[in-house]
N, C-alpha and C. Protein backbone atom coordinates (compact mmCIF):
# COMPACT_ATOMS: atom_id res chain seq x y z
N MET A 1 1.98 -11.63 -4.37
CA MET A 1 2.71 -10.43 -3.93
C MET A 1 3.87 -10.34 -5.25
N SER A 2 3.75 -8.94 -6.00
CA SER A 2 4.45 -8.93 -7.20
C SER A 2 6.16 -9.07 -6.27
N ASN A 3 6.81 -9.14 -7.58
CA ASN A 3 8.30 -9.87 -7.65
C ASN A 3 8.76 -8.19 -6.95
N TYR A 4 8.31 -6.88 -7.08
CA TYR A 4 8.69 -5.68 -6.87
C TYR A 4 8.82 -6.11 -5.14
N VAL A 5 7.67 -5.96 -4.43
CA VAL A 5 7.37 -6.08 -3.27
C VAL A 5 8.12 -7.07 -2.00
N ALA A 6 8.77 -8.17 -3.38
CA ALA A 6 9.12 -9.06 -2.62
C ALA A 6 11.27 -8.89 -1.94
N HIS A 7 11.48 -7.81 -3.05
CA HIS A 7 12.27 -7.62 -2.93
C HIS A 7 12.76 -6.33 -1.12
N THR A 8 11.68 -5.91 -0.65
CA THR A 8 12.20 -4.86 0.19
C THR A 8 12.79 -4.95 1.13
N VAL A 9 13.33 -6.01 1.62
CA VAL A 9 14.63 -5.58 2.38
C VAL A 9 15.94 -5.58 1.80
N LEU A 10 15.85 -5.83 0.37
CA LEU A 10 17.22 -5.78 -0.39
C LEU A 10 17.80 -4.35 -0.47
N ARG A 11 16.20 -3.31 -0.95
CA ARG A 11 16.29 -2.10 -1.47
C ARG A 11 16.53 -1.37 0.22
N GLY A 12 15.91 -1.77 0.62
CA GLY A 12 15.86 -1.57 1.91
C GLY A 12 18.06 -0.99 2.75
N LEU A 13 18.44 -1.78 2.59
CA LEU A 13 19.93 -2.22 2.26
C LEU A 13 20.34 -1.25 1.90
N LYS A 14 19.96 -1.62 0.31
CA LYS A 14 20.70 -0.35 -0.83
C LYS A 14 20.45 1.10 -0.46
N ARG A 15 18.91 1.69 0.10
CA ARG A 15 18.54 2.81 0.46
C ARG A 15 19.65 2.90 1.60
N LYS A 16 20.32 2.30 3.02
CA LYS A 16 20.80 2.65 3.73
C LYS A 16 22.53 2.93 3.06
N LEU A 17 22.90 2.09 2.28
CA LEU A 17 24.28 1.79 2.17
C LEU A 17 24.24 3.54 0.98
N GLY A 18 23.41 4.03 0.44
CA GLY A 18 23.34 4.93 -0.57
C GLY A 18 23.39 6.59 0.54
N ALA A 19 22.30 5.81 1.88
CA ALA A 19 22.62 7.31 2.93
C ALA A 19 23.83 7.31 3.27
N ILE A 20 24.86 6.31 3.35
CA ILE A 20 25.58 6.72 3.67
C ILE A 20 27.00 7.14 2.51
N TRP A 21 26.75 6.80 1.58
CA TRP A 21 27.53 7.28 1.00
C TRP A 21 27.38 8.69 0.37
N HIS A 22 26.41 9.08 0.16
CA HIS A 22 25.54 10.08 0.06
C HIS A 22 25.26 11.02 1.09
N SER A 23 25.80 10.79 2.11
CA SER A 23 25.81 11.91 3.65
C SER A 23 25.81 13.18 3.20
N ASN A 24 27.14 13.48 2.81
CA ASN A 24 27.68 15.02 2.64
C ASN A 24 26.77 15.65 1.56
N THR A 25 26.08 15.38 1.31
CA THR A 25 24.90 15.42 -0.10
C THR A 25 24.06 16.03 0.63
N ILE A 26 23.34 15.10 1.76
CA ILE A 26 22.03 14.48 2.60
C ILE A 26 22.00 16.11 3.41
N LYS A 27 23.54 15.87 4.35
CA LYS A 27 23.33 17.56 5.35
C LYS A 27 23.03 18.31 4.52
N ALA A 28 23.84 17.97 3.69
CA ALA A 28 24.08 19.53 3.01
C ALA A 28 22.82 20.53 2.44
N ASN A 29 21.54 19.75 2.36
CA ASN A 29 20.27 19.74 2.15
C ASN A 29 19.20 19.06 3.29
N GLN A 30 19.53 19.09 3.81
CA GLN A 30 18.96 18.25 5.03
C GLN A 30 17.77 19.58 5.46
N ASN A 31 17.71 20.64 5.63
CA ASN A 31 16.74 21.96 5.79
C ASN A 31 16.21 22.42 4.64
N THR A 32 16.37 21.36 3.79
CA THR A 32 15.70 21.55 2.26
C THR A 32 14.58 21.65 2.42
N HIS A 33 13.10 21.92 2.41
CA HIS A 33 11.77 21.24 2.11
C HIS A 33 11.35 21.23 0.87
N ILE A 34 11.15 20.15 0.65
CA ILE A 34 10.55 19.17 -1.19
C ILE A 34 8.88 19.33 -1.08
N LEU A 35 7.94 19.39 -1.83
CA LEU A 35 6.89 19.11 -2.32
C LEU A 35 6.80 18.27 -3.01
N VAL A 36 6.04 17.25 -2.85
CA VAL A 36 5.78 16.31 -4.03
C VAL A 36 4.65 16.19 -3.81
N ILE A 37 4.59 16.23 -5.67
CA ILE A 37 2.91 15.98 -6.30
C ILE A 37 2.85 14.77 -7.07
N LEU A 38 2.23 13.86 -6.12
CA LEU A 38 1.94 12.41 -7.27
C LEU A 38 0.45 12.06 -7.76
N HIS A 39 0.43 12.08 -9.02
CA HIS A 39 -1.17 11.95 -9.33
C HIS A 39 -0.98 10.25 -9.64
N LEU A 40 -1.93 9.67 -8.55
CA LEU A 40 -1.41 7.61 -8.69
C LEU A 40 -1.93 7.98 -10.05
N PHE A 41 -2.37 7.33 -11.09
CA PHE A 41 -3.01 6.84 -11.87
C PHE A 41 -3.10 5.28 -11.95
N TYR A 42 -2.07 4.56 -11.77
CA TYR A 42 -2.58 3.13 -11.61
C TYR A 42 -2.53 2.42 -10.51
N MET A 43 -3.09 2.77 -9.66
CA MET A 43 -3.63 2.58 -8.09
C MET A 43 -2.42 1.11 -7.45
N GLU A 44 -2.26 0.33 -8.52
CA GLU A 44 -1.11 -1.11 -8.25
C GLU A 44 -0.02 -0.91 -8.49
N SER A 45 0.51 1.17 -8.86
CA SER A 45 2.15 1.28 -8.29
C SER A 45 2.24 2.05 -7.75
N TRP A 46 1.20 1.94 -6.70
CA TRP A 46 1.66 2.39 -5.24
C TRP A 46 2.86 1.92 -5.09
N PRO A 47 2.45 0.48 -4.56
CA PRO A 47 4.15 0.33 -3.91
C PRO A 47 5.60 0.00 -4.36
N GLU A 48 5.28 0.60 -5.61
CA GLU A 48 7.12 0.88 -6.57
C GLU A 48 6.90 2.63 -5.56
N ILE A 49 5.76 3.66 -6.22
CA ILE A 49 6.24 4.74 -5.75
C ILE A 49 6.43 4.49 -4.45
N CYS A 50 5.52 3.91 -3.35
CA CYS A 50 6.14 4.18 -2.02
C CYS A 50 7.62 3.75 -1.53
N GLU A 51 8.13 3.18 -2.15
CA GLU A 51 9.11 3.05 -1.84
C GLU A 51 10.72 3.89 -2.63
N TYR A 52 10.06 4.22 -3.89
CA TYR A 52 10.51 5.98 -3.93
C TYR A 52 10.88 6.96 -3.25
N LEU A 53 9.45 6.88 -2.77
CA LEU A 53 9.37 8.09 -1.61
C LEU A 53 10.25 7.98 -0.55
N LYS A 54 10.38 6.83 0.48
CA LYS A 54 11.67 6.31 0.80
C LYS A 54 12.53 6.82 0.75
N ASN A 55 13.12 6.85 -0.36
CA ASN A 55 14.48 7.67 -0.08
C ASN A 55 14.38 8.86 -0.47
N LEU A 56 13.46 9.94 -0.07
CA LEU A 56 13.09 10.75 0.71
C LEU A 56 13.26 11.07 1.82
N SER A 57 13.30 10.08 3.02
CA SER A 57 13.04 10.66 4.37
C SER A 57 13.98 10.65 5.04
N PRO A 58 15.77 11.32 4.10
CA PRO A 58 16.32 12.31 5.04
C PRO A 58 15.75 13.71 5.51
N TYR A 59 14.86 14.17 4.40
CA TYR A 59 14.56 15.36 4.28
C TYR A 59 12.63 16.03 4.71
N LYS A 60 13.09 16.69 4.73
CA LYS A 60 11.42 17.43 4.66
C LYS A 60 10.68 17.49 3.36
N TYR A 61 9.42 16.96 3.74
CA TYR A 61 8.54 17.18 2.57
C TYR A 61 7.28 16.96 2.60
N ASP A 62 6.79 17.47 1.90
CA ASP A 62 4.94 17.18 2.06
C ASP A 62 4.62 16.77 0.61
N LEU A 63 4.03 15.66 0.98
CA LEU A 63 3.35 14.73 -0.80
C LEU A 63 1.79 14.44 -0.33
N ILE A 64 1.46 15.30 -1.79
CA ILE A 64 -0.16 15.27 -2.12
C ILE A 64 -0.26 14.70 -3.46
N VAL A 65 -1.50 14.06 -3.43
CA VAL A 65 -1.75 12.59 -4.17
C VAL A 65 -2.96 12.83 -4.31
N THR A 66 -3.41 12.93 -5.82
CA THR A 66 -4.49 12.78 -7.06
C THR A 66 -4.71 11.33 -7.41
N CYS A 67 -5.80 11.39 -7.81
CA CYS A 67 -6.36 10.47 -8.25
C CYS A 67 -7.46 10.39 -9.38
N MET A 68 -7.78 9.39 -10.62
CA MET A 68 -8.79 9.69 -11.12
C MET A 68 -9.98 9.16 -10.56
N GLU A 69 -11.35 10.14 -9.97
CA GLU A 69 -12.42 10.40 -9.88
C GLU A 69 -12.80 8.58 -10.39
N GLY A 70 -13.26 8.04 -9.40
CA GLY A 70 -13.82 6.95 -9.75
C GLY A 70 -13.25 6.06 -10.29
N HIS A 71 -11.58 6.00 -10.24
CA HIS A 71 -10.79 4.90 -10.82
C HIS A 71 -10.34 4.84 -9.36
N TYR A 72 -10.40 4.10 -8.24
CA TYR A 72 -9.28 4.42 -6.94
C TYR A 72 -9.79 3.21 -6.39
N ASP A 73 -9.24 2.57 -5.47
CA ASP A 73 -9.60 1.47 -4.47
C ASP A 73 -9.50 2.20 -2.91
N GLU A 74 -10.30 1.40 -2.27
CA GLU A 74 -10.20 2.58 -0.84
C GLU A 74 -9.38 1.56 -0.31
N THR A 75 -8.74 0.39 -0.66
CA THR A 75 -6.99 -0.16 0.28
C THR A 75 -6.15 0.77 -0.21
N THR A 76 -5.93 1.27 -1.42
CA THR A 76 -4.40 1.57 -1.83
C THR A 76 -4.50 2.83 -1.24
N LEU A 77 -5.85 3.79 -1.39
CA LEU A 77 -5.86 5.16 -0.86
C LEU A 77 -5.37 5.07 0.62
N ASP A 78 -5.84 3.03 1.92
CA ASP A 78 -5.53 3.75 3.02
C ASP A 78 -4.38 3.49 3.18
N ARG A 79 -3.74 2.80 1.94
CA ARG A 79 -2.16 2.72 2.40
C ARG A 79 -1.32 3.95 2.23
N VAL A 80 -1.69 4.76 1.28
CA VAL A 80 -1.04 5.76 1.58
C VAL A 80 -1.65 6.73 2.35
N ARG A 81 -2.39 7.18 2.58
CA ARG A 81 -3.07 7.76 3.96
C ARG A 81 -1.94 7.39 5.36
N ALA A 82 -2.23 5.88 5.07
CA ALA A 82 -0.52 5.66 6.18
C ALA A 82 0.56 5.76 5.96
N PHE A 83 1.10 6.01 5.14
CA PHE A 83 2.71 6.15 4.44
C PHE A 83 2.95 7.51 4.50
């Protein structure tokens, strides 16, 4: 387990505090629809990117993920699909 993944609980708490702190901004933009396009070049970076994407949870967004043909692993792609 990477050091980054080990701190998921702490990041979750910080995310909740940030949501409280920025609640006015979140409310003002809650109807904004966001398109996120992610090129996942390094499969091992998915856990970190996933944590950043969780910051968008108050908003409506679509996620498009691309990767290099022949340079991916199905386990990571399954995690992306599950997200």
